Amino acid sequence: MSKRIVIALGGNALGNTLPEQAAAVKITARAIVDLIEDGNQVVVAHGNGPQVGIINNAMAALQKEDPSQGFTPLSVCGAMSQAYIGYDLQNAFREELLNRGIGNMPVCSIVTQVEVDPSDPAFDHPSKPIGKFLTEREAKEYAAKTGNLVREDAGRGWRRYVASPKPKHIIEAGAIRALTEDGHLVICCGGGGIPVYRTEKNHLKGAAAVIDKDFASELLAEQLDADMLIILTAVEKVAVNFRRENEQWLDAMTPDQALQYAREGQFAPGSMLPKVEAAVKFAQSKPGREALITLLEKAREGIAGRTGTVIRQ
């Protein structure tokens, strides 16, 4: 039975450099088109960690070379990364579809804005390091020029830190849904989306923040009334007691079981924890919805119930 599926691509689906990305998206396309070939309606969201970092550093270098350019807002760097990643994904998906004789499916990327609450407590506690490592002197000079927060990052040098607020609303959800229902393969919510908040006269202003792509994908799945959320990561299944002698790989969890494991500290913050939390939120959002966490190349098997970790009521 076909499903409407939102897929959150992990970093391993995109690589870390231009050549790596060009190669990785071909593998990614094969796995995603497998699901389309099985009759599923698919919407693709993705991360942008290395890519937005490259763009941010490039724009900072430009400003240093030509001070008249000014500093490029992080929201603009995020928009650039969405188009750059979408360009490669679009071409890889289109090529794979045509190679399989599915030539009537249009593919498109949407530069996606995601509304956040400017009073979200995350803005008082910036937690996401971005940009290149700096010396203490460079960091303090940068902070004095820009007003941005900098601090030492695990003894490796100084970096800029920004907030990671929770997503509230996908601004372009209506367009994404219309295109999906019209038979398009849509790529959207890159890097968790461009964080924006509403000001006077309905203006959307970019925020200096990074939205977790798993939480944004979960919200997208809710707004599209998807049947399934698939979060693709670097392991085949979720584990408890990870990398210990009593390690246990999990085939399934209820939301209550997953939250209990989270309270016990079984899932690493910034790694598996947000994936499990996003999966739980989606599974609880409506009867019959389920989330799957697995490897990219195991997605087809996971939907069939042969692998991965499923979270359902």
C-alpha atoms as a PDB file:
ATOM      1  CA  MET A   1       0.000   0.000   0.000  1.00  0.00           C
ATOM      2  CA  SER A   2       1.517   3.349  -1.027  1.00  0.00           C
ATOM      3  CA  LYS A   3       2.388   5.913   1.621  1.00  0.00           C
ATOM      4  CA  ARG A   4       3.113   9.617   1.750  1.00  0.00           C
ATOM      5  CA  ILE A   5       6.617   9.729   3.186  1.00  0.00           C
ATOM      6  CA  VAL A   6       8.823  12.594   4.356  1.00  0.00           C
ATOM      7  CA  ILE A   7      12.490  11.619   4.288  1.00  0.00           C
ATOM      8  CA  ALA A   8      15.115  13.435   6.351  1.00  0.00           C
ATOM      9  CA  LEU A   9      18.501  12.856   4.714  1.00  0.00           C
ATOM     10  CA  GLY A  10      21.504  12.684   7.017  1.00  0.00           C
ATOM     11  CA  GLY A  11      24.905  14.172   6.306  1.00  0.00           C
ATOM     12  CA  ASN A  12      26.250  10.902   4.884  1.00  0.00           C
ATOM     13  CA  ALA A  13      23.767  11.315   2.012  1.00  0.00           C
ATOM     14  CA  LEU A  14      25.480  14.522   0.856  1.00  0.00           C
ATOM     15  CA  GLY A  15      29.204  14.311   1.595  1.00  0.00           C
ATOM     16  CA  ASN A  16      31.422  17.111   2.902  1.00  0.00           C
ATOM     17  CA  THR A  17      32.891  18.706  -0.251  1.00  0.00           C
ATOM     18  CA  LEU A  18      31.733  19.548  -3.771  1.00  0.00           C
ATOM     19  CA  PRO A  19      33.156  16.351  -5.304  1.00  0.00           C
ATOM     20  CA  GLU A  20      31.896  14.217  -2.398  1.00  0.00           C
ATOM     21  CA  GLN A  21      28.414  15.685  -2.749  1.00  0.00           C
ATOM     22  CA  ALA A  22      28.317  15.052  -6.506  1.00  0.00           C
ATOM     23  CA  ALA A  23      29.125  11.379  -5.869  1.00  0.00           C
ATOM     24  CA  ALA A  24      26.938  10.938  -2.774  1.00  0.00           C
ATOM     25  CA  VAL A  25      23.735  12.250  -4.358  1.00  0.00           C
ATOM     26  CA  LYS A  26      23.855   9.516  -7.005  1.00  0.00           C
ATOM     27  CA  ILE A  27      23.734   6.852  -4.274  1.00  0.00           C
ATOM     28  CA  THR A  28      21.050   8.827  -2.473  1.00  0.00           C
ATOM     29  CA  ALA A  29      18.957   9.079  -5.638  1.00  0.00           C
ATOM     30  CA  ARG A  30      18.974   5.320  -6.159  1.00  0.00           C
ATOM     31  CA  ALA A  31      17.647   4.681  -2.632  1.00  0.00           C
ATOM     32  CA  ILE A  32      14.943   7.375  -2.861  1.00  0.00           C
ATOM     33  CA  VAL A  33      13.769   6.351  -6.344  1.00  0.00           C
ATOM     34  CA  ASP A  34      13.427   2.779  -5.039  1.00  0.00           C
ATOM     35  CA  LEU A  35      10.657   4.085  -2.779  1.00  0.00           C
ATOM     36  CA  ILE A  36       8.994   6.009  -5.599  1.00  0.00           C
ATOM     37  CA  GLU A  37       9.159   2.941  -7.834  1.00  0.00           C
ATOM     38  CA  ASP A  38       7.275   1.057  -5.098  1.00  0.00           C
ATOM     39  CA  GLY A  39       4.418   3.552  -5.479  1.00  0.00           C
ATOM     40  CA  ASN A  40       5.138   5.860  -2.557  1.00  0.00           C
ATOM     41  CA  GLN A  41       4.729   9.643  -2.613  1.00  0.00           C
ATOM     42  CA  VAL A  42       8.022  11.089  -1.365  1.00  0.00           C
ATOM     43  CA  VAL A  43       9.133  14.497  -0.090  1.00  0.00           C
ATOM     44  CA  VAL A  44      12.830  14.981   0.675  1.00  0.00           C
ATOM     45  CA  ALA A  45      14.323  17.186   3.403  1.00  0.00           C
ATOM     46  CA  HIS A  46      18.054  17.340   4.115  1.00  0.00           C
ATOM     47  CA  GLY A  47      20.821  18.701   6.289  1.00  0.00           C
ATOM     48  CA  ASN A  48      23.373  21.310   5.218  1.00  0.00           C
ATOM     49  CA  GLY A  49      26.057  21.326   7.925  1.00  0.00           C
ATOM     50  CA  PRO A  50      29.263  21.176   5.870  1.00  0.00           C
ATOM     51  CA  GLN A  51      27.755  23.107   2.950  1.00  0.00           C
ATOM     52  CA  VAL A  52      26.504  26.109   4.920  1.00  0.00           C
ATOM     53  CA  GLY A  53      29.852  26.194   6.730  1.00  0.00           C
ATOM     54  CA  ILE A  54      31.707  26.395   3.409  1.00  0.00           C
ATOM     55  CA  ILE A  55      29.439  29.221   2.240  1.00  0.00           C
ATOM     56  CA  ASN A  56      29.696  31.084   5.553  1.00  0.00           C
ATOM     57  CA  ASN A  57      33.505  30.908   5.455  1.00  0.00           C
ATOM     58  CA  ALA A  58      33.608  31.982   1.808  1.00  0.00           C
ATOM     59  CA  MET A  59      31.423  35.016   2.476  1.00  0.00           C
ATOM     60  CA  ALA A  60      33.526  35.911   5.526  1.00  0.00           C
ATOM     61  CA  ALA A  61      36.663  35.753   3.345  1.00  0.00           C
ATOM     62  CA  LEU A  62      34.974  37.995   0.782  1.00  0.00           C
ATOM     63  CA  GLN A  63      34.134  40.552   3.449  1.00  0.00           C
ATOM     64  CA  LYS A  64      37.717  40.497   4.700  1.00  0.00           C
ATOM     65  CA  GLU A  65      38.994  41.107   1.172  1.00  0.00           C
ATOM     66  CA  ASP A  66      36.383  43.774   0.428  1.00  0.00           C
ATOM     67  CA  PRO A  67      34.977  45.352   3.646  1.00  0.00           C
ATOM     68  CA  SER A  68      32.344  47.238   1.608  1.00  0.00           C
ATOM     69  CA  GLN A  69      30.509  43.906   1.151  1.00  0.00           C
ATOM     70  CA  GLY A  70      29.536  43.733   4.818  1.00  0.00           C
ATOM     71  CA  PHE A  71      28.811  40.513   6.718  1.00  0.00           C
ATOM     72  CA  THR A  72      26.465  38.000   5.082  1.00  0.00           C
ATOM     73  CA  PRO A  73      23.624  36.958   7.433  1.00  0.00           C
ATOM     74  CA  LEU A  74      23.488  33.289   8.340  1.00  0.00           C
ATOM     75  CA  SER A  75      19.949  33.141   6.935  1.00  0.00           C
ATOM     76  CA  VAL A  76      21.289  34.146   3.512  1.00  0.00           C
ATOM     77  CA  CYS A  77      24.039  31.516   3.726  1.00  0.00           C
ATOM     78  CA  GLY A  78      21.318  28.972   4.518  1.00  0.00           C
ATOM     79  CA  ALA A  79      19.331  30.014   1.448  1.00  0.00           C
ATOM     80  CA  MET A  80      22.438  29.660  -0.723  1.00  0.00           C
ATOM     81  CA  SER A  81      23.081  26.169   0.664  1.00  0.00           C
ATOM     82  CA  GLN A  82      19.517  25.049  -0.097  1.00  0.00           C
ATOM     83  CA  ALA A  83      19.898  25.998  -3.752  1.00  0.00           C
ATOM     84  CA  TYR A  84      23.389  24.512  -4.061  1.00  0.00           C
ATOM     85  CA  ILE A  85      22.355  21.172  -2.530  1.00  0.00           C
ATOM     86  CA  GLY A  86      19.017  21.171  -4.332  1.00  0.00           C
ATOM     87  CA  TYR A  87      20.776  21.657  -7.667  1.00  0.00           C
ATOM     88  CA  ASP A  88      22.778  18.442  -7.220  1.00  0.00           C
ATOM     89  CA  LEU A  89      19.854  16.460  -5.777  1.00  0.00           C
ATOM     90  CA  GLN A  90      17.477  17.554  -8.544  1.00  0.00           C
ATOM     91  CA  ASN A  91      19.851  16.423 -11.263  1.00  0.00           C
ATOM     92  CA  ALA A  92      20.627  13.117  -9.535  1.00  0.00           C
ATOM     93  CA  PHE A  93      16.943  12.331  -8.955  1.00  0.00           C
ATOM     94  CA  ARG A  94      15.956  13.292 -12.496  1.00  0.00           C
ATOM     95  CA  GLU A  95      18.728  11.162 -13.997  1.00  0.00           C
ATOM     96  CA  GLU A  96      17.749   8.134 -11.880  1.00  0.00           C
ATOM     97  CA  LEU A  97      14.052   8.534 -12.692  1.00  0.00           C
ATOM     98  CA  LEU A  98      14.759   8.737 -16.416  1.00  0.00           C
ATOM     99  CA  ASN A  99      17.093   5.739 -16.261  1.00  0.00           C
ATOM    100  CA  ARG A 100      14.223   3.715 -14.796  1.00  0.00           C
ATOM    101  CA  GLY A 101      11.693   4.900 -17.321  1.00  0.00           C
ATOM    102  CA  ILE A 102       9.894   7.227 -14.892  1.00  0.00           C
ATOM    103  CA  GLY A 103      10.202  10.248 -17.117  1.00  0.00           C
ATOM    104  CA  ASN A 104       6.942  11.964 -16.230  1.00  0.00           C
ATOM    105  CA  MET A 105       7.853  13.001 -12.687  1.00  0.00           C
ATOM    106  CA  PRO A 106       8.998  16.628 -12.346  1.00  0.00           C
ATOM    107  CA  VAL A 107      11.662  17.331  -9.691  1.00  0.00           C
ATOM    108  CA  CYS A 108      12.039  20.674  -7.936  1.00  0.00           C
ATOM    109  CA  SER A 109      13.710  22.317  -4.957  1.00  0.00           C
ATOM    110  CA  ILE A 110      11.982  24.921  -2.809  1.00  0.00           C
ATOM    111  CA  VAL A 111      13.937  27.505  -0.838  1.00  0.00           C
ATOM    112  CA  THR A 112      12.089  26.944   2.416  1.00  0.00           C
ATOM    113  CA  GLN A 113      11.545  29.313   5.327  1.00  0.00           C
ATOM    114  CA  VAL A 114      10.620  27.966   8.755  1.00  0.00           C
ATOM    115  CA  GLU A 115       9.013  30.206  11.337  1.00  0.00           C
ATOM    116  CA  VAL A 116      10.482  30.265  14.829  1.00  0.00           C
ATOM    117  CA  ASP A 117       9.448  32.098  17.971  1.00  0.00           C
ATOM    118  CA  PRO A 118      11.801  35.039  18.694  1.00  0.00           C
ATOM    119  CA  SER A 119      11.108  34.495  22.402  1.00  0.00           C
ATOM    120  CA  ASP A 120      12.202  30.827  22.232  1.00  0.00           C
ATOM    121  CA  PRO A 121      14.526  30.222  25.222  1.00  0.00           C
ATOM    122  CA  ALA A 122      17.109  28.828  22.786  1.00  0.00           C
ATOM    123  CA  PHE A 123      17.971  32.408  21.788  1.00  0.00           C
ATOM    124  CA  ASP A 124      19.165  33.019  25.348  1.00  0.00           C
ATOM    125  CA  HIS A 125      21.420  29.961  25.248  1.00  0.00           C
ATOM    126  CA  PRO A 126      23.148  29.674  21.827  1.00  0.00           C
ATOM    127  CA  SER A 127      24.389  26.102  21.493  1.00  0.00           C
ATOM    128  CA  LYS A 128      25.352  25.506  17.835  1.00  0.00           C
ATOM    129  CA  PRO A 129      28.935  26.300  16.740  1.00  0.00           C
ATOM    130  CA  ILE A 130      29.287  27.496  13.152  1.00  0.00           C
ATOM    131  CA  GLY A 131      32.061  28.783  10.935  1.00  0.00           C
ATOM    132  CA  LYS A 132      35.785  28.196  11.069  1.00  0.00           C
ATOM    133  CA  PHE A 133      37.965  27.950  14.158  1.00  0.00           C
ATOM    134  CA  LEU A 134      39.589  31.193  15.268  1.00  0.00           C
ATOM    135  CA  THR A 135      42.307  32.173  17.697  1.00  0.00           C
ATOM    136  CA  GLU A 136      41.109  33.937  20.825  1.00  0.00           C
ATOM    137  CA  ARG A 137      42.338  37.256  19.460  1.00  0.00           C
ATOM    138  CA  GLU A 138      40.619  36.752  16.089  1.00  0.00           C
ATOM    139  CA  ALA A 139      37.414  35.693  17.808  1.00  0.00           C
ATOM    140  CA  LYS A 140      37.264  38.727  20.045  1.00  0.00           C
ATOM    141  CA  GLU A 141      37.982  41.079  17.139  1.00  0.00           C
ATOM    142  CA  TYR A 142      35.220  39.353  15.143  1.00  0.00           C
ATOM    143  CA  ALA A 143      32.781  39.640  18.058  1.00  0.00           C
ATOM    144  CA  ALA A 144      33.583  43.344  18.488  1.00  0.00           C
ATOM    145  CA  LYS A 145      32.886  44.003  14.787  1.00  0.00           C
ATOM    146  CA  THR A 146      29.713  41.956  14.477  1.00  0.00           C
ATOM    147  CA  GLY A 147      28.198  41.654  17.939  1.00  0.00           C
ATOM    148  CA  ASN A 148      28.035  37.873  17.449  1.00  0.00           C
ATOM    149  CA  LEU A 149      28.649  35.480  20.323  1.00  0.00           C
ATOM    150  CA  VAL A 150      31.961  33.607  20.277  1.00  0.00           C
ATOM    151  CA  ARG A 151      33.402  31.104  22.718  1.00  0.00           C
ATOM    152  CA  GLU A 152      35.900  28.279  22.909  1.00  0.00           C
ATOM    153  CA  ASP A 153      34.801  25.017  21.314  1.00  0.00           C
ATOM    154  CA  ALA A 154      36.059  21.981  23.245  1.00  0.00           C
ATOM    155  CA  GLY A 155      39.656  23.212  23.359  1.00  0.00           C
ATOM    156  CA  ARG A 156      39.920  23.234  19.551  1.00  0.00           C
ATOM    157  CA  GLY A 157      39.718  26.987  19.094  1.00  0.00           C
ATOM    158  CA  TRP A 158      37.098  29.740  19.201  1.00  0.00           C
ATOM    159  CA  ARG A 159      33.931  29.771  17.079  1.00  0.00           C
ATOM    160  CA  ARG A 160      30.708  31.641  16.644  1.00  0.00           C
ATOM    161  CA  TYR A 161      27.683  30.164  18.442  1.00  0.00           C
ATOM    162  CA  VAL A 162      24.041  30.581  17.426  1.00  0.00           C
ATOM    163  CA  ALA A 163      20.682  29.466  18.779  1.00  0.00           C
ATOM    164  CA  SER A 164      18.797  26.310  17.786  1.00  0.00           C
ATOM    165  CA  PRO A 165      15.099  27.185  18.260  1.00  0.00           C
ATOM    166  CA  LYS A 166      12.245  24.758  17.658  1.00  0.00           C
ATOM    167  CA  PRO A 167      10.359  25.114  14.343  1.00  0.00           C
ATOM    168  CA  LYS A 168       6.780  26.394  14.546  1.00  0.00           C
ATOM    169  CA  HIS A 169       5.532  26.530  10.959  1.00  0.00           C
ATOM    170  CA  ILE A 170       6.814  25.697   7.472  1.00  0.00           C
ATOM    171  CA  ILE A 171       6.058  28.859   5.494  1.00  0.00           C
ATOM    172  CA  GLU A 172       6.021  27.139   2.087  1.00  0.00           C
ATOM    173  CA  ALA A 173       4.117  24.029   3.263  1.00  0.00           C
ATOM    174  CA  GLY A 174       1.129  24.843   1.038  1.00  0.00           C
ATOM    175  CA  ALA A 175       3.283  25.027  -2.077  1.00  0.00           C
ATOM    176  CA  ILE A 176       5.139  21.841  -1.117  1.00  0.00           C
ATOM    177  CA  ARG A 177       1.865  19.988  -0.603  1.00  0.00           C
ATOM    178  CA  ALA A 178       0.339  21.233  -3.867  1.00  0.00           C
ATOM    179  CA  LEU A 179       3.404  20.187  -5.864  1.00  0.00           C
ATOM    180  CA  THR A 180       3.552  16.794  -4.147  1.00  0.00           C
ATOM    181  CA  GLU A 181      -0.113  16.090  -4.803  1.00  0.00           C
ATOM    182  CA  ASP A 182       0.443  17.084  -8.437  1.00  0.00           C
ATOM    183  CA  GLY A 183       3.085  14.371  -8.805  1.00  0.00           C
ATOM    184  CA  HIS A 184       6.301  16.321  -8.242  1.00  0.00           C
ATOM    185  CA  LEU A 185       9.295  15.056  -6.281  1.00  0.00           C
ATOM    186  CA  VAL A 186       9.966  17.989  -3.949  1.00  0.00           C
ATOM    187  CA  ILE A 187      13.240  18.788  -2.166  1.00  0.00           C
ATOM    188  CA  CYS A 188      12.762  21.244   0.684  1.00  0.00           C
ATOM    189  CA  CYS A 189      13.551  22.330   4.266  1.00  0.00           C
ATOM    190  CA  GLY A 190      17.300  22.212   3.577  1.00  0.00           C
ATOM    191  CA  GLY A 191      19.321  22.486   6.768  1.00  0.00           C
ATOM    192  CA  GLY A 192      16.128  22.605   8.799  1.00  0.00           C
ATOM    193  CA  GLY A 193      14.901  25.559   6.754  1.00  0.00           C
ATOM    194  CA  ILE A 194      15.805  29.243   6.910  1.00  0.00           C
ATOM    195  CA  PRO A 195      14.761  30.377  10.406  1.00  0.00           C
ATOM    196  CA  VAL A 196      12.513  33.434  10.206  1.00  0.00           C
ATOM    197  CA  TYR A 197      10.160  35.320  12.504  1.00  0.00           C
ATOM    198  CA  ARG A 198       7.329  37.700  11.799  1.00  0.00           C
ATOM    199  CA  THR A 199       7.714  41.438  12.294  1.00  0.00           C
ATOM    200  CA  GLU A 200       5.294  44.282  11.594  1.00  0.00           C
ATOM    201  CA  LYS A 201       3.381  44.297   8.296  1.00  0.00           C
ATOM    202  CA  ASN A 202       3.858  40.516   7.867  1.00  0.00           C
ATOM    203  CA  HIS A 203       7.562  40.826   7.099  1.00  0.00           C
ATOM    204  CA  LEU A 204       9.606  37.635   7.619  1.00  0.00           C
ATOM    205  CA  LYS A 205      13.024  38.441   9.063  1.00  0.00           C
ATOM    206  CA  GLY A 206      15.870  35.938   9.037  1.00  0.00           C
ATOM    207  CA  ALA A 207      17.155  34.844  12.432  1.00  0.00           C
ATOM    208  CA  ALA A 208      20.766  34.079  13.305  1.00  0.00           C
ATOM    209  CA  ALA A 209      19.973  30.496  14.191  1.00  0.00           C
ATOM    210  CA  VAL A 210      20.090  26.876  13.032  1.00  0.00           C
ATOM    211  CA  ILE A 211      16.986  24.671  13.157  1.00  0.00           C
ATOM    212  CA  ASP A 212      17.561  20.960  13.709  1.00  0.00           C
ATOM    213  CA  LYS A 213      16.686  19.275  10.405  1.00  0.00           C
ATOM    214  CA  ASP A 214      15.024  16.310  12.134  1.00  0.00           C
ATOM    215  CA  PHE A 215      12.578  18.561  14.000  1.00  0.00           C
ATOM    216  CA  ALA A 216      11.891  20.551  10.830  1.00  0.00           C
ATOM    217  CA  SER A 217      11.289  17.332   8.879  1.00  0.00           C
ATOM    218  CA  GLU A 218       8.881  16.137  11.570  1.00  0.00           C
ATOM    219  CA  LEU A 219       6.914  19.372  11.399  1.00  0.00           C
ATOM    220  CA  LEU A 220       6.874  19.158   7.602  1.00  0.00           C
ATOM    221  CA  ALA A 221       5.517  15.597   7.832  1.00  0.00           C
ATOM    222  CA  GLU A 222       2.727  16.812  10.118  1.00  0.00           C
ATOM    223  CA  GLN A 223       1.825  19.750   7.878  1.00  0.00           C
ATOM    224  CA  LEU A 224       1.752  17.491   4.808  1.00  0.00           C
ATOM    225  CA  ASP A 225      -0.351  14.877   6.653  1.00  0.00           C
ATOM    226  CA  ALA A 226       2.274  12.237   5.855  1.00  0.00           C
ATOM    227  CA  ASP A 227       1.882   8.589   6.800  1.00  0.00           C
ATOM    228  CA  MET A 228       5.525   8.044   7.624  1.00  0.00           C
ATOM    229  CA  LEU A 229       8.619   9.999   8.618  1.00  0.00           C
ATOM    230  CA  ILE A 230      11.916   8.339   7.729  1.00  0.00           C
ATOM    231  CA  ILE A 231      15.030   9.706   9.419  1.00  0.00           C
ATOM    232  CA  LEU A 232      18.137   8.412   7.689  1.00  0.00           C
ATOM    233  CA  THR A 233      21.312   8.245   9.705  1.00  0.00           C
ATOM    234  CA  ALA A 234      24.650   6.430  10.000  1.00  0.00           C
ATOM    235  CA  VAL A 235      23.352   3.302  11.764  1.00  0.00           C
ATOM    236  CA  GLU A 236      20.867   0.637  10.705  1.00  0.00           C
ATOM    237  CA  LYS A 237      18.929   0.694  13.983  1.00  0.00           C
ATOM    238  CA  VAL A 238      18.685   2.636  17.220  1.00  0.00           C
ATOM    239  CA  ALA A 239      20.578   1.063  20.105  1.00  0.00           C
ATOM    240  CA  VAL A 240      20.500   1.244  23.878  1.00  0.00           C
ATOM    241  CA  ASN A 241      23.760   0.846  25.784  1.00  0.00           C
ATOM    242  CA  PHE A 242      25.427   1.913  22.538  1.00  0.00           C
ATOM    243  CA  ARG A 243      29.003   0.616  22.150  1.00  0.00           C
ATOM    244  CA  ARG A 244      28.892  -1.188  25.506  1.00  0.00           C
ATOM    245  CA  GLU A 245      29.073  -4.890  26.238  1.00  0.00           C
ATOM    246  CA  ASN A 246      25.302  -5.045  26.737  1.00  0.00           C
ATOM    247  CA  GLU A 247      24.491  -3.088  23.554  1.00  0.00           C
ATOM    248  CA  GLN A 248      20.995  -3.858  22.245  1.00  0.00           C
ATOM    249  CA  TRP A 249      19.686  -2.942  18.788  1.00  0.00           C
ATOM    250  CA  LEU A 250      15.986  -2.102  18.749  1.00  0.00           C
ATOM    251  CA  ASP A 251      13.484  -3.197  16.093  1.00  0.00           C
ATOM    252  CA  ALA A 252      10.636  -1.094  17.484  1.00  0.00           C
ATOM    253  CA  MET A 253       9.703   1.280  20.287  1.00  0.00           C
ATOM    254  CA  THR A 254       6.515   2.853  21.470  1.00  0.00           C
ATOM    255  CA  PRO A 255       6.734   6.595  22.137  1.00  0.00           C
ATOM    256  CA  ASP A 256       6.619   5.910  25.890  1.00  0.00           C
ATOM    257  CA  GLN A 257       9.496   3.428  25.669  1.00  0.00           C
ATOM    258  CA  ALA A 258      11.553   5.837  23.569  1.00  0.00           C
ATOM    259  CA  LEU A 259      10.994   8.702  26.012  1.00  0.00           C
ATOM    260  CA  GLN A 260      11.957   6.483  28.944  1.00  0.00           C
ATOM    261  CA  TYR A 261      15.205   5.545  27.202  1.00  0.00           C
ATOM    262  CA  ALA A 262      15.816   9.240  26.534  1.00  0.00           C
ATOM    263  CA  ARG A 263      15.312  10.073  30.225  1.00  0.00           C
ATOM    264  CA  GLU A 264      17.877   7.388  31.056  1.00  0.00           C
ATOM    265  CA  GLY A 265      20.405   9.166  28.821  1.00  0.00           C
ATOM    266  CA  GLN A 266      20.562   6.357  26.244  1.00  0.00           C
ATOM    267  CA  PHE A 267      20.684   8.695  23.244  1.00  0.00           C
ATOM    268  CA  ALA A 268      23.467  11.192  22.612  1.00  0.00           C
ATOM    269  CA  PRO A 269      22.407  14.881  22.493  1.00  0.00           C
ATOM    270  CA  GLY A 270      23.056  16.391  19.077  1.00  0.00           C
ATOM    271  CA  SER A 271      23.169  12.922  17.526  1.00  0.00           C
ATOM    272  CA  MET A 272      20.536  10.220  18.107  1.00  0.00           C
ATOM    273  CA  LEU A 273      18.487  12.115  20.713  1.00  0.00           C
ATOM    274  CA  PRO A 274      16.888  14.685  18.349  1.00  0.00           C
ATOM    275  CA  LYS A 275      16.134  11.909  15.851  1.00  0.00           C
ATOM    276  CA  VAL A 276      14.304   9.869  18.478  1.00  0.00           C
ATOM    277  CA  GLU A 277      12.500  12.942  19.831  1.00  0.00           C
ATOM    278  CA  ALA A 278      11.357  13.919  16.330  1.00  0.00           C
ATOM    279  CA  ALA A 279      10.235  10.349  15.635  1.00  0.00           C
ATOM    280  CA  VAL A 280       8.243  10.246  18.881  1.00  0.00           C
ATOM    281  CA  LYS A 281       6.576  13.587  18.169  1.00  0.00           C
ATOM    282  CA  PHE A 282       5.421  12.409  14.755  1.00  0.00           C
ATOM    283  CA  ALA A 283       4.194   9.026  16.007  1.00  0.00           C
ATOM    284  CA  GLN A 284       2.154  10.806  18.692  1.00  0.00           C
ATOM    285  CA  SER A 285       0.727  13.442  16.358  1.00  0.00           C
ATOM    286  CA  LYS A 286      -2.054  11.307  14.846  1.00  0.00           C
ATOM    287  CA  PRO A 287      -3.240   7.685  15.050  1.00  0.00           C
ATOM    288  CA  GLY A 288      -1.630   5.435  12.444  1.00  0.00           C
ATOM    289  CA  ARG A 289       1.478   7.533  11.908  1.00  0.00           C
ATOM    290  CA  GLU A 290       4.878   5.939  12.320  1.00  0.00           C
ATOM    291  CA  ALA A 291       8.523   6.922  12.102  1.00  0.00           C
ATOM    292  CA  LEU A 292      11.495   4.875  10.930  1.00  0.00           C
ATOM    293  CA  ILE A 293      15.153   5.433  11.768  1.00  0.00           C
ATOM    294  CA  THR A 294      17.655   3.560   9.616  1.00  0.00           C
ATOM    295  CA  LEU A 295      20.431   3.717   7.019  1.00  0.00           C
ATOM    296  CA  LEU A 296      19.845   5.327   3.618  1.00  0.00           C
ATOM    297  CA  GLU A 297      20.481   2.059   1.772  1.00  0.00           C
ATOM    298  CA  LYS A 298      18.088   0.198   4.110  1.00  0.00           C
ATOM    299  CA  ALA A 299      15.093   2.530   3.677  1.00  0.00           C
ATOM    300  CA  ARG A 300      13.235   0.201   1.303  1.00  0.00           C
ATOM    301  CA  GLU A 301      13.723  -2.774   3.644  1.00  0.00           C
ATOM    302  CA  GLY A 302      12.729  -0.637   6.599  1.00  0.00           C
ATOM    303  CA  ILE A 303       9.386   0.305   5.053  1.00  0.00           C
ATOM    304  CA  ALA A 304       8.790  -3.397   4.463  1.00  0.00           C
ATOM    305  CA  GLY A 305       9.433  -4.047   8.163  1.00  0.00           C
ATOM    306  CA  ARG A 306      12.649  -6.016   7.664  1.00  0.00           C
ATOM    307  CA  THR A 307      15.083  -3.653   9.384  1.00  0.00           C
ATOM    308  CA  GLY A 308      15.470  -0.272  11.061  1.00  0.00           C
ATOM    309  CA  THR A 309      13.823   0.962  14.236  1.00  0.00           C
ATOM    310  CA  VAL A 310      10.121   1.802  13.985  1.00  0.00           C
ATOM    311  CA  ILE A 311       8.442   4.136  16.454  1.00  0.00           C
ATOM    312  CA  ARG A 312       4.670   3.782  16.590  1.00  0.00           C
ATOM    313  CA  GLN A 313       1.869   3.894  19.147  1.00  0.00           C
END
